[in-house]
N, C-alpha and C. Protein backbone atom coordinates (compact mmCIF):
# COMPACT_ATOMS: atom_id res chain seq x y z
N UNK A 1 0.92 -1.16 -0.02
CA UNK A 1 -0.02 -0.04 -0.01
C UNK A 1 0.93 1.25 -0.01
N UNK A 2 0.60 2.18 -0.99
CA UNK A 2 1.44 3.40 -1.01
C UNK A 2 0.83 4.51 -0.10
N UNK A 3 1.43 5.71 -0.03
CA UNK A 3 0.95 6.77 0.79
C UNK A 3 -0.43 7.25 0.34
N UNK A 4 -0.59 7.27 -0.98
CA UNK A 4 -1.85 7.80 -1.44
C UNK A 4 -2.99 6.96 -0.94
N UNK A 5 -2.87 5.51 -1.09
CA UNK A 5 -3.85 4.64 -0.60
C UNK A 5 -4.04 4.68 0.82
N UNK A 6 -3.05 4.99 1.66
CA UNK A 6 -3.22 4.98 3.07
C UNK A 6 -4.04 6.31 3.46
N UNK A 7 -3.77 7.30 2.77
CA UNK A 7 -4.48 8.55 3.08
C UNK A 7 -5.94 8.53 2.73
N UNK A 8 -6.20 7.90 1.47
CA UNK A 8 -7.56 7.79 1.08
C UNK A 8 -8.32 6.74 2.05
N UNK A 9 -7.56 5.73 2.49
CA UNK A 9 -8.19 4.87 3.42
C UNK A 9 -8.65 5.50 4.66
N UNK A 10 -7.80 6.42 5.15
CA UNK A 10 -8.14 7.08 6.37
C UNK A 10 -9.35 8.00 6.11
N UNK A 11 -9.48 8.67 5.02
CA UNK A 11 -10.58 9.42 4.68
C UNK A 11 -11.80 8.63 4.67
N UNK A 12 -11.82 7.46 4.04
CA UNK A 12 -12.99 6.69 3.97
C UNK A 12 -13.41 6.11 5.26
N UNK A 13 -12.54 5.83 6.16
CA UNK A 13 -12.81 5.33 7.51
C UNK A 13 -13.40 6.49 8.25
N UNK A 14 -12.95 7.72 8.15
CA UNK A 14 -13.42 8.88 8.85
C UNK A 14 -14.84 9.20 8.42
N UNK A 15 -15.26 8.89 7.19
CA UNK A 15 -16.53 9.15 6.69
C UNK A 15 -17.52 7.99 6.57
N UNK A 16 -17.07 6.97 7.27
CA UNK A 16 -17.92 5.73 7.15
C UNK A 16 -19.34 5.80 7.78
N UNK A 17 -19.49 6.70 8.75
CA UNK A 17 -20.79 6.79 9.35
C UNK A 17 -21.67 7.94 8.72
N UNK A 18 -21.14 8.53 7.61
CA UNK A 18 -21.91 9.53 7.09
C UNK A 18 -22.74 8.96 5.88
N UNK A 19 -24.11 9.17 6.01
CA UNK A 19 -24.92 8.60 4.92
C UNK A 19 -24.60 9.18 3.57
N UNK A 20 -24.77 8.34 2.54
CA UNK A 20 -24.52 8.77 1.18
C UNK A 20 -25.27 10.04 0.75
N UNK A 21 -24.58 10.99 0.13
CA UNK A 21 -25.25 12.20 -0.27
C UNK A 21 -25.29 13.34 0.78
N UNK A 22 -24.84 13.01 2.10
CA UNK A 22 -24.76 14.06 3.04
C UNK A 22 -23.31 14.42 3.25
N UNK A 23 -23.16 15.62 3.68
CA UNK A 23 -21.86 16.25 4.09
C UNK A 23 -21.50 15.91 5.44
N UNK A 24 -20.20 15.58 5.69
CA UNK A 24 -19.77 15.45 7.08
C UNK A 24 -19.74 16.79 7.81
N UNK A 25 -20.04 16.75 9.08
CA UNK A 25 -19.84 17.98 9.91
C UNK A 25 -18.39 18.08 10.39
N UNK A 26 -17.83 19.15 10.06
CA UNK A 26 -16.45 19.40 10.53
C UNK A 26 -16.46 20.26 11.76
N UNK A 27 -15.84 19.78 12.73
CA UNK A 27 -15.69 20.57 14.00
C UNK A 27 -14.74 21.72 13.77
N UNK A 28 -15.18 22.88 14.16
CA UNK A 28 -14.42 24.08 13.97
C UNK A 28 -14.23 24.84 15.30
N UNK A 29 -13.84 24.14 16.34
CA UNK A 29 -13.84 24.78 17.66
C UNK A 29 -12.33 25.30 17.97
N UNK A 30 -11.65 25.52 16.95
CA UNK A 30 -10.21 26.24 17.16
C UNK A 30 -10.40 27.64 17.39
N UNK A 31 -9.28 28.21 17.91
CA UNK A 31 -9.36 29.67 18.24
C UNK A 31 -9.59 30.47 16.94
N UNK A 32 -10.48 31.39 17.05
CA UNK A 32 -10.66 32.32 15.87
C UNK A 32 -9.81 33.58 15.96
N UNK A 33 -9.37 33.86 17.14
CA UNK A 33 -8.53 34.98 17.27
C UNK A 33 -7.67 34.81 18.48
N UNK A 34 -6.30 35.24 18.48
CA UNK A 34 -5.43 35.10 19.54
C UNK A 34 -5.38 36.39 20.37
N UNK A 35 -6.29 36.36 21.44
CA UNK A 35 -6.37 37.52 22.29
C UNK A 35 -7.41 38.48 21.84
N UNK A 36 -7.82 39.39 22.72
CA UNK A 36 -8.83 40.43 22.34
C UNK A 36 -8.08 41.71 22.08
N UNK A 37 -8.63 42.40 21.06
CA UNK A 37 -7.95 43.72 20.66
C UNK A 37 -9.08 44.66 20.22
N UNK A 38 -8.86 45.88 20.26
CA UNK A 38 -9.69 46.81 19.79
C UNK A 38 -9.47 47.00 18.18
N UNK A 39 -10.29 47.67 17.57
CA UNK A 39 -10.16 47.81 16.09
C UNK A 39 -8.86 48.54 15.81
N UNK A 40 -8.49 49.48 16.59
CA UNK A 40 -7.27 50.24 16.38
C UNK A 40 -6.01 49.30 16.52
N UNK A 41 -6.05 48.56 17.64
CA UNK A 41 -5.00 47.59 17.93
C UNK A 41 -4.87 46.57 16.86
N UNK A 42 -5.95 46.16 16.24
CA UNK A 42 -5.89 45.16 15.11
C UNK A 42 -5.20 45.81 13.96
N UNK A 43 -5.55 46.99 13.57
CA UNK A 43 -4.92 47.73 12.47
C UNK A 43 -3.47 48.00 12.78
N UNK A 44 -3.12 48.24 13.96
CA UNK A 44 -1.66 48.54 14.32
C UNK A 44 -0.92 47.15 14.19
N UNK A 45 -1.46 46.09 14.67
CA UNK A 45 -0.85 44.79 14.46
C UNK A 45 -0.64 44.50 13.01
N UNK A 46 -1.54 44.79 12.18
CA UNK A 46 -1.44 44.56 10.71
C UNK A 46 -0.25 45.29 10.16
N UNK A 47 -0.17 46.55 10.55
CA UNK A 47 0.84 47.48 10.11
C UNK A 47 2.21 46.85 10.58
N UNK A 48 2.29 46.48 11.92
CA UNK A 48 3.57 45.94 12.37
C UNK A 48 4.05 44.61 11.71
N UNK A 49 3.05 43.77 11.44
CA UNK A 49 3.51 42.51 10.77
C UNK A 49 3.77 42.70 9.19
N UNK A 50 3.07 43.57 8.60
CA UNK A 50 3.44 44.03 7.24
C UNK A 50 4.89 44.50 7.19
N UNK A 51 5.23 45.32 8.09
CA UNK A 51 6.52 45.88 8.12
C UNK A 51 7.59 44.77 8.38
N UNK A 52 7.22 43.76 9.26
CA UNK A 52 8.13 42.78 9.62
C UNK A 52 8.48 41.90 8.42
N UNK A 53 7.52 41.83 7.50
CA UNK A 53 7.80 41.14 6.23
C UNK A 53 8.46 41.98 5.07
N UNK A 54 8.84 43.20 5.48
CA UNK A 54 9.52 44.17 4.63
C UNK A 54 8.70 44.76 3.67
N UNK A 55 7.29 44.81 3.94
CA UNK A 55 6.56 45.77 3.21
C UNK A 55 6.64 47.12 3.70
N UNK A 56 6.41 48.11 2.85
CA UNK A 56 6.48 49.57 3.25
C UNK A 56 4.99 49.97 3.52
N UNK A 57 4.73 50.44 4.77
CA UNK A 57 3.35 50.78 5.11
C UNK A 57 3.17 52.26 5.20
N UNK A 58 2.07 52.70 4.61
CA UNK A 58 1.61 54.08 4.66
C UNK A 58 0.25 54.22 5.15
N UNK A 59 -0.02 55.30 5.89
CA UNK A 59 -1.36 55.49 6.31
C UNK A 59 -1.89 56.90 5.85
N UNK A 60 -3.18 56.97 5.43
CA UNK A 60 -3.70 58.24 4.85
C UNK A 60 -5.25 58.03 4.90
N UNK A 61 -5.85 59.15 4.41
CA UNK A 61 -7.34 59.08 4.28
C UNK A 61 -7.79 59.19 2.88
N UNK A 62 -9.09 59.06 2.58
CA UNK A 62 -9.54 59.03 1.21
C UNK A 62 -9.25 60.27 0.27
N UNK A 63 -9.27 61.40 1.08
CA UNK A 63 -8.92 62.62 0.43
C UNK A 63 -7.47 62.71 -0.06
N UNK A 64 -6.62 62.21 0.77
CA UNK A 64 -5.13 62.31 0.37
C UNK A 64 -4.60 61.10 -0.41
N UNK A 65 -5.43 60.07 -0.49
CA UNK A 65 -4.99 58.90 -1.10
C UNK A 65 -4.48 59.14 -2.59
N UNK A 66 -5.13 59.85 -3.44
CA UNK A 66 -4.61 60.07 -4.79
C UNK A 66 -3.27 60.73 -4.83
N UNK A 67 -3.00 61.71 -3.87
CA UNK A 67 -1.63 62.32 -3.89
C UNK A 67 -0.61 61.45 -3.30
N UNK A 68 -0.92 60.68 -2.28
CA UNK A 68 0.01 59.62 -1.83
C UNK A 68 0.47 58.69 -2.95
N UNK A 69 -0.55 58.20 -3.67
CA UNK A 69 -0.15 57.29 -4.80
C UNK A 69 0.70 58.03 -5.87
N UNK A 70 0.36 59.18 -6.04
CA UNK A 70 1.14 60.01 -7.00
C UNK A 70 2.62 60.05 -6.49
N UNK A 71 2.77 60.34 -5.28
CA UNK A 71 4.13 60.53 -4.74
C UNK A 71 4.89 59.06 -4.68
N UNK A 72 4.28 58.08 -4.37
CA UNK A 72 4.90 56.83 -4.36
C UNK A 72 5.29 56.38 -5.85
N UNK A 73 4.45 56.70 -6.84
CA UNK A 73 4.85 56.39 -8.12
C UNK A 73 5.99 57.26 -8.66
N UNK A 74 5.95 58.52 -8.24
CA UNK A 74 7.01 59.44 -8.59
C UNK A 74 8.34 59.08 -8.07
N UNK A 75 8.33 58.57 -6.87
CA UNK A 75 9.65 58.10 -6.21
C UNK A 75 10.20 56.96 -6.98
N UNK A 76 9.37 56.09 -7.57
CA UNK A 76 9.85 54.93 -8.42
C UNK A 76 10.12 55.37 -9.82
N UNK A 77 9.45 56.29 -10.32
CA UNK A 77 9.68 56.86 -11.71
C UNK A 77 9.27 55.87 -12.79
N UNK A 78 8.16 55.18 -12.68
CA UNK A 78 7.86 54.22 -13.85
C UNK A 78 7.17 54.96 -14.96
N UNK A 79 7.43 54.48 -16.18
CA UNK A 79 6.94 55.06 -17.36
C UNK A 79 5.42 54.59 -17.42
N UNK A 80 5.17 53.29 -17.00
CA UNK A 80 3.84 52.76 -17.12
C UNK A 80 3.41 52.29 -15.82
N UNK A 81 2.12 52.36 -15.45
CA UNK A 81 1.53 51.80 -14.25
C UNK A 81 0.35 50.93 -14.67
N UNK A 82 0.27 49.69 -14.22
CA UNK A 82 -0.85 48.74 -14.52
C UNK A 82 -1.95 48.98 -13.62
N UNK A 83 -3.21 49.06 -14.13
CA UNK A 83 -4.45 49.20 -13.20
C UNK A 83 -5.43 48.29 -13.63
N UNK A 84 -6.07 47.59 -12.66
CA UNK A 84 -7.22 46.64 -12.96
C UNK A 84 -8.50 47.44 -13.40
N UNK A 85 -9.35 46.77 -13.97
CA UNK A 85 -10.57 47.50 -14.72
C UNK A 85 -11.39 48.20 -13.66
N UNK A 86 -11.40 47.65 -12.44
CA UNK A 86 -12.48 48.23 -11.52
C UNK A 86 -11.81 49.16 -10.49
N UNK A 87 -10.57 49.54 -10.70
CA UNK A 87 -9.88 50.33 -9.67
C UNK A 87 -10.59 51.73 -9.66
N UNK A 88 -10.96 52.24 -8.40
CA UNK A 88 -11.67 53.52 -8.39
C UNK A 88 -10.83 54.52 -9.15
N UNK A 89 -11.46 55.28 -10.09
CA UNK A 89 -10.66 56.27 -10.92
C UNK A 89 -10.05 57.37 -10.06
N UNK A 90 -10.63 57.73 -8.96
CA UNK A 90 -10.18 58.86 -8.14
C UNK A 90 -8.82 58.46 -7.47
N UNK A 91 -8.51 57.08 -7.32
CA UNK A 91 -7.28 56.72 -6.79
C UNK A 91 -6.05 57.18 -7.54
N UNK A 92 -6.28 57.28 -8.94
CA UNK A 92 -5.22 57.48 -9.85
C UNK A 92 -5.40 58.89 -10.50
N UNK A 93 -6.24 59.70 -9.95
CA UNK A 93 -6.52 60.98 -10.50
C UNK A 93 -5.36 61.91 -10.49
N UNK A 94 -4.39 61.80 -9.61
CA UNK A 94 -3.19 62.62 -9.59
C UNK A 94 -1.96 61.98 -10.06
N UNK A 95 -2.06 60.77 -10.46
CA UNK A 95 -0.84 60.01 -10.94
C UNK A 95 -0.37 60.47 -12.23
N UNK A 96 0.95 60.39 -12.45
CA UNK A 96 1.59 60.86 -13.69
C UNK A 96 1.86 59.84 -14.78
N UNK A 97 2.26 58.60 -14.38
CA UNK A 97 2.71 57.60 -15.44
C UNK A 97 1.45 57.12 -16.31
N UNK A 98 1.76 56.74 -17.50
CA UNK A 98 0.79 56.24 -18.44
C UNK A 98 0.17 55.03 -17.95
N UNK A 99 -1.15 54.95 -17.93
CA UNK A 99 -1.90 53.77 -17.36
C UNK A 99 -1.97 52.61 -18.42
N UNK A 100 -1.70 51.53 -18.00
CA UNK A 100 -1.84 50.37 -18.88
C UNK A 100 -3.00 49.44 -18.18
N UNK A 101 -4.03 49.20 -18.94
CA UNK A 101 -5.23 48.54 -18.39
C UNK A 101 -5.01 47.00 -18.55
N UNK A 102 -5.43 46.34 -17.54
CA UNK A 102 -5.31 44.78 -17.58
C UNK A 102 -6.22 44.30 -18.67
N UNK A 103 -5.70 43.56 -19.65
CA UNK A 103 -6.36 43.09 -20.66
C UNK A 103 -6.06 41.53 -20.88
N UNK A 104 -7.00 40.75 -21.32
CA UNK A 104 -6.79 39.34 -21.51
C UNK A 104 -5.75 39.04 -22.53
N UNK A 105 -5.63 39.89 -23.47
CA UNK A 105 -4.63 39.68 -24.57
C UNK A 105 -3.26 40.06 -24.28
N UNK A 106 -2.98 40.75 -23.22
CA UNK A 106 -1.71 41.18 -22.85
C UNK A 106 -0.81 39.92 -22.59
N UNK A 107 0.41 39.93 -23.16
CA UNK A 107 1.30 38.89 -23.02
C UNK A 107 2.19 39.05 -21.74
N UNK A 108 2.80 38.09 -21.27
CA UNK A 108 3.76 38.27 -20.13
C UNK A 108 4.83 39.33 -20.44
N UNK A 109 5.33 39.21 -21.70
CA UNK A 109 6.39 40.08 -22.16
C UNK A 109 5.97 41.51 -22.06
N UNK A 110 4.69 41.84 -22.50
CA UNK A 110 4.10 43.18 -22.41
C UNK A 110 3.99 43.59 -20.93
N UNK A 111 3.48 42.76 -20.11
CA UNK A 111 3.37 43.08 -18.72
C UNK A 111 4.65 43.35 -18.05
N UNK A 112 5.72 42.51 -18.51
CA UNK A 112 7.02 42.75 -17.90
C UNK A 112 7.65 44.14 -18.11
N UNK A 113 7.10 44.80 -19.15
CA UNK A 113 7.61 46.25 -19.44
C UNK A 113 6.91 47.25 -18.44
N UNK A 114 5.90 46.80 -17.69
CA UNK A 114 5.21 47.69 -16.72
C UNK A 114 5.96 47.61 -15.51
N UNK A 115 6.35 48.71 -14.82
CA UNK A 115 7.07 48.74 -13.65
C UNK A 115 6.26 48.65 -12.39
N UNK A 116 5.04 49.21 -12.48
CA UNK A 116 4.37 49.27 -11.17
C UNK A 116 2.85 48.87 -11.43
N UNK A 117 2.20 48.40 -10.40
CA UNK A 117 0.82 48.14 -10.42
C UNK A 117 0.11 48.64 -9.12
N UNK A 118 -1.01 49.04 -9.28
CA UNK A 118 -1.97 49.52 -8.13
C UNK A 118 -3.19 48.68 -8.10
N UNK A 119 -3.41 48.14 -6.93
CA UNK A 119 -4.59 47.28 -6.74
C UNK A 119 -5.24 47.58 -5.44
N UNK A 120 -6.54 47.08 -5.27
CA UNK A 120 -7.15 47.00 -4.06
C UNK A 120 -6.83 45.65 -3.46
N UNK A 121 -7.59 45.28 -2.41
CA UNK A 121 -7.49 43.92 -1.84
C UNK A 121 -8.84 43.44 -1.43
N UNK A 122 -8.97 42.19 -1.12
CA UNK A 122 -10.26 41.53 -0.64
C UNK A 122 -10.25 41.60 0.99
N UNK A 123 -9.15 41.28 1.60
CA UNK A 123 -9.11 41.26 3.01
C UNK A 123 -7.71 41.33 3.40
N UNK A 124 -7.41 41.80 4.66
CA UNK A 124 -6.02 41.94 5.18
C UNK A 124 -6.04 41.18 6.64
N UNK A 125 -5.15 40.32 6.83
CA UNK A 125 -5.03 39.57 8.08
C UNK A 125 -4.04 40.17 9.05
N UNK A 126 -4.41 40.60 10.13
CA UNK A 126 -3.51 41.26 11.11
C UNK A 126 -2.48 40.43 11.72
N UNK A 127 -2.96 39.21 12.18
CA UNK A 127 -2.05 38.33 12.87
C UNK A 127 -0.88 37.75 12.14
N UNK A 128 -1.15 37.72 10.72
CA UNK A 128 -0.11 37.10 9.90
C UNK A 128 0.51 38.16 8.91
N UNK A 129 0.04 39.32 8.97
CA UNK A 129 0.50 40.40 8.04
C UNK A 129 0.20 40.06 6.58
N UNK A 130 -0.87 39.45 6.26
CA UNK A 130 -1.19 39.00 4.95
C UNK A 130 -2.27 39.72 4.17
N UNK A 131 -2.02 39.99 2.91
CA UNK A 131 -3.01 40.53 2.12
C UNK A 131 -3.64 39.47 1.24
N UNK A 132 -4.93 39.54 1.00
CA UNK A 132 -5.55 38.47 0.17
C UNK A 132 -6.18 39.18 -1.03
N UNK A 133 -5.90 38.85 -2.28
CA UNK A 133 -6.57 39.36 -3.51
C UNK A 133 -7.33 38.21 -4.08
N UNK A 134 -8.53 38.57 -4.52
CA UNK A 134 -9.49 37.55 -4.96
C UNK A 134 -9.93 37.68 -6.42
N UNK A 135 -9.18 38.49 -7.22
CA UNK A 135 -9.57 38.77 -8.63
C UNK A 135 -10.84 39.68 -8.83
N UNK A 136 -11.22 40.29 -7.84
CA UNK A 136 -12.34 41.32 -7.96
C UNK A 136 -11.90 42.41 -8.87
N UNK A 137 -12.78 43.24 -9.43
CA UNK A 137 -12.52 44.32 -10.46
C UNK A 137 -11.45 45.23 -10.01
N UNK A 138 -11.36 45.56 -8.67
CA UNK A 138 -10.34 46.41 -8.25
C UNK A 138 -9.01 45.86 -7.97
N UNK A 139 -8.87 44.48 -8.25
CA UNK A 139 -7.69 43.74 -8.11
C UNK A 139 -7.14 43.10 -9.40
N UNK A 140 -8.07 42.81 -10.24
CA UNK A 140 -7.56 42.30 -11.53
C UNK A 140 -7.11 40.79 -11.41
N UNK A 141 -6.66 40.27 -12.58
CA UNK A 141 -6.18 38.96 -12.60
C UNK A 141 -4.91 38.74 -11.75
N UNK A 142 -4.76 37.49 -11.35
CA UNK A 142 -3.56 37.15 -10.50
C UNK A 142 -2.30 37.62 -11.06
N UNK A 143 -2.15 37.51 -12.29
CA UNK A 143 -0.78 37.76 -12.86
C UNK A 143 -0.33 39.25 -12.80
N UNK A 144 -1.31 40.23 -12.68
CA UNK A 144 -0.90 41.66 -12.72
C UNK A 144 -0.31 42.02 -11.44
N UNK A 145 -0.51 41.21 -10.39
CA UNK A 145 0.25 41.43 -9.05
C UNK A 145 1.55 40.63 -8.86
N UNK A 146 1.81 39.79 -9.88
CA UNK A 146 3.00 39.00 -9.84
C UNK A 146 4.10 39.33 -10.73
N UNK A 147 3.83 40.02 -11.91
CA UNK A 147 4.87 40.30 -12.84
C UNK A 147 5.51 41.72 -12.62
N UNK A 148 4.80 42.84 -12.42
CA UNK A 148 5.48 44.14 -12.17
C UNK A 148 6.33 43.97 -10.88
N UNK A 149 7.35 44.88 -10.95
CA UNK A 149 8.38 44.90 -9.81
C UNK A 149 7.94 45.62 -8.57
N UNK A 150 6.91 46.43 -8.79
CA UNK A 150 6.53 47.32 -7.66
C UNK A 150 4.93 47.26 -7.56
N UNK A 151 4.44 46.89 -6.36
CA UNK A 151 3.10 46.66 -6.24
C UNK A 151 2.58 47.73 -5.03
N UNK A 152 1.66 48.54 -5.40
CA UNK A 152 0.93 49.33 -4.40
C UNK A 152 -0.41 48.73 -4.12
N UNK A 153 -0.61 48.32 -2.88
CA UNK A 153 -1.98 47.70 -2.55
C UNK A 153 -2.71 48.58 -1.52
N UNK A 154 -3.92 48.92 -1.83
CA UNK A 154 -4.70 49.85 -0.97
C UNK A 154 -5.58 48.85 -0.16
N UNK A 155 -5.69 49.16 1.14
CA UNK A 155 -6.46 48.39 2.14
C UNK A 155 -7.39 49.43 2.82
N UNK A 156 -8.72 49.19 2.77
CA UNK A 156 -9.67 50.10 3.36
C UNK A 156 -9.67 49.77 4.88
N UNK A 157 -9.40 50.65 5.67
CA UNK A 157 -9.36 50.40 7.04
C UNK A 157 -10.55 51.16 7.79
N UNK A 158 -11.29 50.45 8.70
CA UNK A 158 -10.97 49.08 9.24
C UNK A 158 -11.79 47.94 8.47
N UNK A 159 -12.60 48.32 7.50
CA UNK A 159 -13.62 47.44 6.89
C UNK A 159 -12.94 46.18 6.31
N UNK A 160 -11.71 46.24 5.72
CA UNK A 160 -11.08 45.14 5.07
C UNK A 160 -10.07 44.41 6.00
N UNK A 161 -10.01 44.76 7.25
CA UNK A 161 -8.99 44.19 8.18
C UNK A 161 -9.67 43.27 9.12
N UNK A 162 -9.13 42.09 9.30
CA UNK A 162 -9.58 41.07 10.18
C UNK A 162 -8.44 40.65 11.11
N UNK A 163 -8.59 39.99 12.24
CA UNK A 163 -7.57 39.69 13.03
C UNK A 163 -6.81 38.40 12.62
N UNK A 164 -7.62 37.36 12.19
CA UNK A 164 -7.07 36.08 11.99
C UNK A 164 -7.38 35.49 10.66
N UNK A 165 -6.72 34.35 10.29
CA UNK A 165 -7.01 33.62 9.05
C UNK A 165 -8.35 33.01 9.03
N UNK A 166 -8.92 32.36 10.08
CA UNK A 166 -10.16 31.92 10.15
C UNK A 166 -11.21 33.04 9.78
N UNK A 167 -11.15 34.21 10.35
CA UNK A 167 -11.90 35.29 10.16
C UNK A 167 -11.91 35.71 8.60
N UNK A 168 -10.71 35.62 8.07
CA UNK A 168 -10.57 36.02 6.57
C UNK A 168 -11.33 34.90 5.81
N UNK A 169 -11.17 33.66 6.06
CA UNK A 169 -11.77 32.60 5.29
C UNK A 169 -13.30 32.72 5.25
N UNK A 170 -13.85 33.18 6.40
CA UNK A 170 -15.30 33.46 6.39
C UNK A 170 -15.81 34.45 5.42
N UNK A 171 -14.90 35.38 5.04
CA UNK A 171 -15.17 36.49 4.05
C UNK A 171 -14.94 36.11 2.64
N UNK A 172 -14.07 35.04 2.39
CA UNK A 172 -13.67 34.74 1.03
C UNK A 172 -14.44 33.69 0.41
N UNK A 173 -14.51 33.82 -0.91
CA UNK A 173 -15.20 32.74 -1.70
C UNK A 173 -14.15 31.82 -2.22
N UNK A 174 -14.08 30.49 -1.78
CA UNK A 174 -13.08 29.53 -2.10
C UNK A 174 -13.07 29.24 -3.54
N UNK A 175 -14.08 29.62 -4.30
CA UNK A 175 -14.11 29.30 -5.73
C UNK A 175 -13.37 30.39 -6.59
N UNK A 176 -12.99 31.54 -5.95
CA UNK A 176 -12.37 32.57 -6.60
C UNK A 176 -10.83 32.43 -6.58
N UNK A 177 -9.96 33.00 -7.53
CA UNK A 177 -8.62 32.82 -7.57
C UNK A 177 -7.90 33.69 -6.43
N UNK A 178 -7.71 33.11 -5.31
CA UNK A 178 -7.11 33.76 -4.21
C UNK A 178 -5.59 33.84 -4.22
N UNK A 179 -5.11 35.10 -4.06
CA UNK A 179 -3.59 35.21 -3.91
C UNK A 179 -3.33 35.74 -2.50
N UNK A 180 -2.45 35.00 -1.86
CA UNK A 180 -2.21 35.38 -0.45
C UNK A 180 -0.80 36.00 -0.47
N UNK A 181 -0.58 37.25 -0.01
CA UNK A 181 0.64 37.96 -0.07
C UNK A 181 1.08 38.38 1.37
N UNK A 182 2.17 37.85 1.64
CA UNK A 182 2.89 38.32 2.92
C UNK A 182 4.26 38.90 2.70
N UNK A 183 4.23 40.20 2.36
CA UNK A 183 5.43 40.83 2.01
C UNK A 183 5.93 40.76 0.60
N UNK A 184 6.96 41.39 0.28
CA UNK A 184 7.47 41.25 -1.17
C UNK A 184 7.86 39.81 -1.44
N UNK A 185 7.82 39.46 -2.71
CA UNK A 185 8.24 38.15 -3.10
C UNK A 185 9.72 37.87 -2.67
N UNK A 186 9.89 36.70 -2.02
CA UNK A 186 11.26 36.34 -1.59
C UNK A 186 11.46 34.89 -1.44
N UNK A 187 12.78 34.47 -1.69
CA UNK A 187 13.16 33.14 -1.51
C UNK A 187 14.51 33.10 -0.89
N UNK A 188 14.99 31.93 -0.45
CA UNK A 188 16.30 31.78 0.09
C UNK A 188 16.95 30.53 -0.41
N UNK A 189 18.25 30.47 -0.64
CA UNK A 189 18.92 29.25 -1.11
C UNK A 189 19.33 28.49 0.15
N UNK A 190 20.17 27.47 -0.04
CA UNK A 190 20.41 26.52 1.13
C UNK A 190 21.31 27.23 2.06
N UNK A 191 21.86 28.31 1.85
CA UNK A 191 22.75 29.10 2.78
C UNK A 191 21.97 30.24 3.34
N UNK A 192 20.68 30.28 3.09
CA UNK A 192 19.64 31.25 3.65
C UNK A 192 19.93 32.67 3.17
N UNK A 193 20.49 32.76 1.95
CA UNK A 193 20.74 34.08 1.34
C UNK A 193 19.40 34.55 0.74
N UNK A 194 18.79 35.54 1.21
CA UNK A 194 17.50 36.01 0.82
C UNK A 194 17.68 36.81 -0.53
N UNK A 195 16.73 36.32 -1.51
CA UNK A 195 16.64 36.97 -2.70
C UNK A 195 15.24 37.45 -2.98
N UNK A 196 14.95 38.74 -3.20
CA UNK A 196 13.57 39.22 -3.40
C UNK A 196 13.27 39.39 -4.86
N UNK A 197 12.08 39.36 -5.20
CA UNK A 197 11.58 39.55 -6.63
C UNK A 197 11.57 38.28 -7.56
N UNK A 198 11.80 37.12 -6.99
CA UNK A 198 11.87 35.93 -7.83
C UNK A 198 10.47 35.53 -8.27
N UNK A 199 9.44 35.57 -7.52
CA UNK A 199 8.17 35.14 -7.74
C UNK A 199 7.10 36.26 -7.78
N UNK A 200 7.61 37.45 -7.81
CA UNK A 200 6.60 38.58 -7.68
C UNK A 200 7.35 39.92 -7.53
N UNK A 201 6.67 40.92 -7.02
CA UNK A 201 7.34 42.30 -6.84
C UNK A 201 8.39 42.30 -5.80
N UNK A 202 9.55 42.98 -6.07
CA UNK A 202 10.50 43.25 -5.10
C UNK A 202 10.09 44.20 -4.01
N UNK A 203 9.20 45.06 -4.43
CA UNK A 203 8.80 46.22 -3.50
C UNK A 203 7.24 46.10 -3.35
N UNK A 204 6.81 45.93 -2.10
CA UNK A 204 5.38 45.96 -1.73
C UNK A 204 5.12 47.16 -0.95
N UNK A 205 4.17 48.03 -1.36
CA UNK A 205 3.85 49.19 -0.50
C UNK A 205 2.41 49.02 -0.20
N UNK A 206 2.06 49.11 1.05
CA UNK A 206 0.64 48.92 1.56
C UNK A 206 0.17 50.23 2.03
N UNK A 207 -0.99 50.74 1.50
CA UNK A 207 -1.59 51.90 1.92
C UNK A 207 -2.81 51.56 2.75
N UNK A 208 -2.80 51.97 4.05
CA UNK A 208 -4.01 51.77 4.88
C UNK A 208 -4.75 53.07 4.79
N UNK A 209 -5.92 53.00 4.24
CA UNK A 209 -6.73 54.30 4.02
C UNK A 209 -8.05 54.14 4.73
N UNK A 210 -8.33 55.32 5.47
CA UNK A 210 -9.52 55.37 6.11
C UNK A 210 -10.56 56.17 5.32
């Protein structure tokens, strides 16, 4: 018996008392949050863990958001910035670079010429410093957050911030293309030399906007 057969055997035994056509009840009595926090404390924890993953964290309000995005792009100096189809137009109202819209016909080579991308997010997890994108119109397809070297992700505070992964899962649709982001793309070799930008952007800037 190989490993696959052993695992499937355990699944069959665990479901032996479930009548055909019915779903098994899964006990979910694990902790949904580690400790009690106020909303402000949860947002502060998110910012702290994002920074620990080497993301650059900014805080602003809706009125100042377009000008902050303009400054962040100006500091990078990209010629082109990629925007998903449903990104609120006011976010980019002050930005200078030429906007490239996410299109199904765009090739990886074409996207590789775009230096920056601006997206929203579906939810942000404070305890893990994780951003989740689900392909909604303000986030675009998965690839647009993986190819450009610079990603600006806007998180609406506190509406899109949750404390824990279980709370995030309750908000997410598992049938959607979920991308979980914890800091800039990074990997390490056997000697633990960290290299950023291998599987996605080298620079992740997170804007917490009220």
